[in-house]
């Protein structure tokens, strides 16, 4: 792994870590969502500081270079994260749809109750 890539990994990981912590401090991000990014940043810092881990994994997996392996891992992790977020969005959309339907039913029931009460008082 080249020195440039190592410096880039450390710099971007530290910046991302700082940004995530700042978002948590100002309540813009929930901790359970931030943990993924914090762990990922720490893993990249460790890989940049100890490139022998990347070289060992490169040899074990038969990848041409450590940089290729790092990029492959990053792409794989991000694809997995996007897939997990897609599942979560689908669940949340279903919950929103159910809540909107329940709200519509409740409003109709309230309107019917209001009409029933006011129609009986007029007679």
C-alpha atoms as a PDB file:
ATOM      1  CA  UNK A   1       0.000   0.000   0.000  1.00  0.00           C
ATOM      2  CA  UNK A   2       1.512   3.299  -1.030  1.00  0.00           C
ATOM      3  CA  UNK A   3       2.285   6.024   1.458  1.00  0.00           C
ATOM      4  CA  UNK A   4      -0.123   8.331  -0.376  1.00  0.00           C
ATOM      5  CA  UNK A   5      -2.989   5.877   0.042  1.00  0.00           C
ATOM      6  CA  UNK A   6      -2.109   5.373   3.717  1.00  0.00           C
ATOM      7  CA  UNK A   7      -2.084   9.119   4.370  1.00  0.00           C
ATOM      8  CA  UNK A   8      -5.336   9.520   2.428  1.00  0.00           C
ATOM      9  CA  UNK A   9      -6.983   6.727   4.436  1.00  0.00           C
ATOM     10  CA  UNK A  10      -5.864   8.188   7.762  1.00  0.00           C
ATOM     11  CA  UNK A  11      -6.853  11.737   6.821  1.00  0.00           C
ATOM     12  CA  UNK A  12     -10.279  10.843   5.477  1.00  0.00           C
ATOM     13  CA  UNK A  13     -10.991   8.453   8.344  1.00  0.00           C
ATOM     14  CA  UNK A  14     -10.064  11.013  10.988  1.00  0.00           C
ATOM     15  CA  UNK A  15     -12.132  13.691   9.212  1.00  0.00           C
ATOM     16  CA  UNK A  16     -15.090  11.323   8.945  1.00  0.00           C
ATOM     17  CA  UNK A  17     -14.728  10.360  12.600  1.00  0.00           C
ATOM     18  CA  UNK A  18     -14.682  14.006  13.648  1.00  0.00           C
ATOM     19  CA  UNK A  19     -17.685  14.790  11.466  1.00  0.00           C
ATOM     20  CA  UNK A  20     -19.675  11.881  12.889  1.00  0.00           C
ATOM     21  CA  UNK A  21     -18.858  12.808  16.472  1.00  0.00           C
ATOM     22  CA  UNK A  22     -19.857  16.409  15.740  1.00  0.00           C
ATOM     23  CA  UNK A  23     -23.195  15.250  14.312  1.00  0.00           C
ATOM     24  CA  UNK A  24     -23.817  13.133  17.416  1.00  0.00           C
ATOM     25  CA  UNK A  25     -22.965  16.028  19.734  1.00  0.00           C
ATOM     26  CA  UNK A  26     -25.458  18.322  18.022  1.00  0.00           C
ATOM     27  CA  UNK A  27     -28.136  15.585  17.964  1.00  0.00           C
ATOM     28  CA  UNK A  28     -28.186  15.398  14.177  1.00  0.00           C
ATOM     29  CA  UNK A  29     -27.393  11.672  14.127  1.00  0.00           C
ATOM     30  CA  UNK A  30     -28.456   8.829  16.360  1.00  0.00           C
ATOM     31  CA  UNK A  31     -25.712   6.832  18.033  1.00  0.00           C
ATOM     32  CA  UNK A  32     -26.860   3.459  16.692  1.00  0.00           C
ATOM     33  CA  UNK A  33     -26.460   4.733  13.119  1.00  0.00           C
ATOM     34  CA  UNK A  34     -23.186   6.457  13.874  1.00  0.00           C
ATOM     35  CA  UNK A  35     -21.602   3.334  15.360  1.00  0.00           C
ATOM     36  CA  UNK A  36     -21.288   1.742  11.929  1.00  0.00           C
ATOM     37  CA  UNK A  37     -19.383   4.739  10.575  1.00  0.00           C
ATOM     38  CA  UNK A  38     -17.228   5.077  13.685  1.00  0.00           C
ATOM     39  CA  UNK A  39     -16.194   1.412  13.520  1.00  0.00           C
ATOM     40  CA  UNK A  40     -15.537   1.687   9.789  1.00  0.00           C
ATOM     41  CA  UNK A  41     -13.340   4.754  10.311  1.00  0.00           C
ATOM     42  CA  UNK A  42     -11.375   3.027  13.047  1.00  0.00           C
ATOM     43  CA  UNK A  43     -10.871  -0.046  10.844  1.00  0.00           C
ATOM     44  CA  UNK A  44      -9.492   2.138   8.057  1.00  0.00           C
ATOM     45  CA  UNK A  45      -7.176   3.934  10.458  1.00  0.00           C
ATOM     46  CA  UNK A  46      -5.873   0.586  11.726  1.00  0.00           C
ATOM     47  CA  UNK A  47      -5.351  -0.633   8.151  1.00  0.00           C
ATOM     48  CA  UNK A  48      -3.490   2.534   7.253  1.00  0.00           C
ATOM     49  CA  UNK A  49      -1.279   2.440  10.341  1.00  0.00           C
ATOM     50  CA  UNK A  50      -0.634  -1.303  10.093  1.00  0.00           C
ATOM     51  CA  UNK A  51      -0.546  -2.059   6.356  1.00  0.00           C
ATOM     52  CA  UNK A  52       0.821  -5.530   7.051  1.00  0.00           C
ATOM     53  CA  UNK A  53      -2.774  -6.569   7.816  1.00  0.00           C
ATOM     54  CA  UNK A  54      -3.811  -5.509   4.321  1.00  0.00           C
ATOM     55  CA  UNK A  55      -0.795  -7.258   2.785  1.00  0.00           C
ATOM     56  CA  UNK A  56      -1.569 -10.465   4.669  1.00  0.00           C
ATOM     57  CA  UNK A  57      -5.236 -10.358   3.566  1.00  0.00           C
ATOM     58  CA  UNK A  58      -4.124  -9.587   0.002  1.00  0.00           C
ATOM     59  CA  UNK A  59      -1.942 -12.709  -0.079  1.00  0.00           C
ATOM     60  CA  UNK A  60      -4.622 -14.875   1.541  1.00  0.00           C
ATOM     61  CA  UNK A  61      -7.299 -13.785  -0.938  1.00  0.00           C
ATOM     62  CA  UNK A  62      -5.040 -13.687  -3.995  1.00  0.00           C
ATOM     63  CA  UNK A  63      -5.734 -10.046  -4.822  1.00  0.00           C
ATOM     64  CA  UNK A  64      -3.173  -8.222  -6.967  1.00  0.00           C
ATOM     65  CA  UNK A  65      -2.489  -5.333  -4.571  1.00  0.00           C
ATOM     66  CA  UNK A  66      -3.418  -4.126  -1.118  1.00  0.00           C
ATOM     67  CA  UNK A  67      -4.978  -0.972  -2.595  1.00  0.00           C
ATOM     68  CA  UNK A  68      -7.305  -3.082  -4.721  1.00  0.00           C
ATOM     69  CA  UNK A  69      -8.305  -5.064  -1.654  1.00  0.00           C
ATOM     70  CA  UNK A  70      -8.977  -1.893   0.349  1.00  0.00           C
ATOM     71  CA  UNK A  71     -11.147  -0.473  -2.434  1.00  0.00           C
ATOM     72  CA  UNK A  72     -12.946  -3.809  -2.827  1.00  0.00           C
ATOM     73  CA  UNK A  73     -13.669  -3.945   0.902  1.00  0.00           C
ATOM     74  CA  UNK A  74     -14.885  -0.342   0.930  1.00  0.00           C
ATOM     75  CA  UNK A  75     -17.210  -0.960  -2.012  1.00  0.00           C
ATOM     76  CA  UNK A  76     -18.497  -4.196  -0.472  1.00  0.00           C
ATOM     77  CA  UNK A  77     -19.180  -2.605   2.906  1.00  0.00           C
ATOM     78  CA  UNK A  78     -20.939   0.365   1.349  1.00  0.00           C
ATOM     79  CA  UNK A  79     -23.083  -1.887  -0.843  1.00  0.00           C
ATOM     80  CA  UNK A  80     -24.038  -3.897   2.227  1.00  0.00           C
ATOM     81  CA  UNK A  81     -24.880  -0.696   4.098  1.00  0.00           C
ATOM     82  CA  UNK A  82     -27.033   0.569   1.216  1.00  0.00           C
ATOM     83  CA  UNK A  83     -28.861  -2.763   1.115  1.00  0.00           C
ATOM     84  CA  UNK A  84     -29.506  -2.655   4.871  1.00  0.00           C
ATOM     85  CA  UNK A  85     -30.728   0.944   4.593  1.00  0.00           C
ATOM     86  CA  UNK A  86     -33.045  -0.051   1.740  1.00  0.00           C
ATOM     87  CA  UNK A  87     -34.594  -2.693   3.971  1.00  0.00           C
ATOM     88  CA  UNK A  88     -34.975  -0.160   6.782  1.00  0.00           C
ATOM     89  CA  UNK A  89     -36.557   2.403   4.447  1.00  0.00           C
ATOM     90  CA  UNK A  90     -39.032  -0.220   3.225  1.00  0.00           C
ATOM     91  CA  UNK A  91     -40.024  -1.043   6.804  1.00  0.00           C
ATOM     92  CA  UNK A  92     -40.410   2.647   7.646  1.00  0.00           C
ATOM     93  CA  UNK A  93     -42.494   3.295   4.510  1.00  0.00           C
ATOM     94  CA  UNK A  94     -44.807   0.451   5.504  1.00  0.00           C
ATOM     95  CA  UNK A  95     -45.141   1.919   8.995  1.00  0.00           C
ATOM     96  CA  UNK A  96     -45.896   5.383   7.585  1.00  0.00           C
ATOM     97  CA  UNK A  97     -48.524   3.934   5.233  1.00  0.00           C
ATOM     98  CA  UNK A  98     -50.140   2.041   8.134  1.00  0.00           C
ATOM     99  CA  UNK A  99     -50.114   5.169  10.313  1.00  0.00           C
ATOM    100  CA  UNK A 100     -51.655   7.307   7.566  1.00  0.00           C
ATOM    101  CA  UNK A 101     -54.367   4.732   7.005  1.00  0.00           C
ATOM    102  CA  UNK A 102     -55.076   4.535  10.746  1.00  0.00           C
ATOM    103  CA  UNK A 103     -55.174   8.333  10.937  1.00  0.00           C
ATOM    104  CA  UNK A 104     -57.658   8.429   8.063  1.00  0.00           C
ATOM    105  CA  UNK A 105     -59.863   5.839   9.778  1.00  0.00           C
ATOM    106  CA  UNK A 106     -59.695   7.752  13.072  1.00  0.00           C
ATOM    107  CA  UNK A 107     -60.586  11.038  11.367  1.00  0.00           C
ATOM    108  CA  UNK A 108     -63.546   9.431   9.608  1.00  0.00           C
ATOM    109  CA  UNK A 109     -64.728   7.912  12.887  1.00  0.00           C
ATOM    110  CA  UNK A 110     -64.380  11.293  14.623  1.00  0.00           C
ATOM    111  CA  UNK A 111     -66.320  13.013  11.826  1.00  0.00           C
ATOM    112  CA  UNK A 112     -69.062  10.384  11.973  1.00  0.00           C
ATOM    113  CA  UNK A 113     -69.241  10.696  15.772  1.00  0.00           C
ATOM    114  CA  UNK A 114     -69.402  14.489  15.511  1.00  0.00           C
ATOM    115  CA  UNK A 115     -72.231  14.265  12.947  1.00  0.00           C
ATOM    116  CA  UNK A 116     -74.076  11.727  15.080  1.00  0.00           C
ATOM    117  CA  UNK A 117     -73.848  13.885  18.206  1.00  0.00           C
ATOM    118  CA  UNK A 118     -74.851  17.133  16.459  1.00  0.00           C
ATOM    119  CA  UNK A 119     -77.690  15.596  14.458  1.00  0.00           C
ATOM    120  CA  UNK A 120     -79.350  14.124  17.552  1.00  0.00           C
ATOM    121  CA  UNK A 121     -79.150  17.450  19.429  1.00  0.00           C
ATOM    122  CA  UNK A 122     -80.960  19.349  16.648  1.00  0.00           C
ATOM    123  CA  UNK A 123     -84.097  17.143  16.821  1.00  0.00           C
END
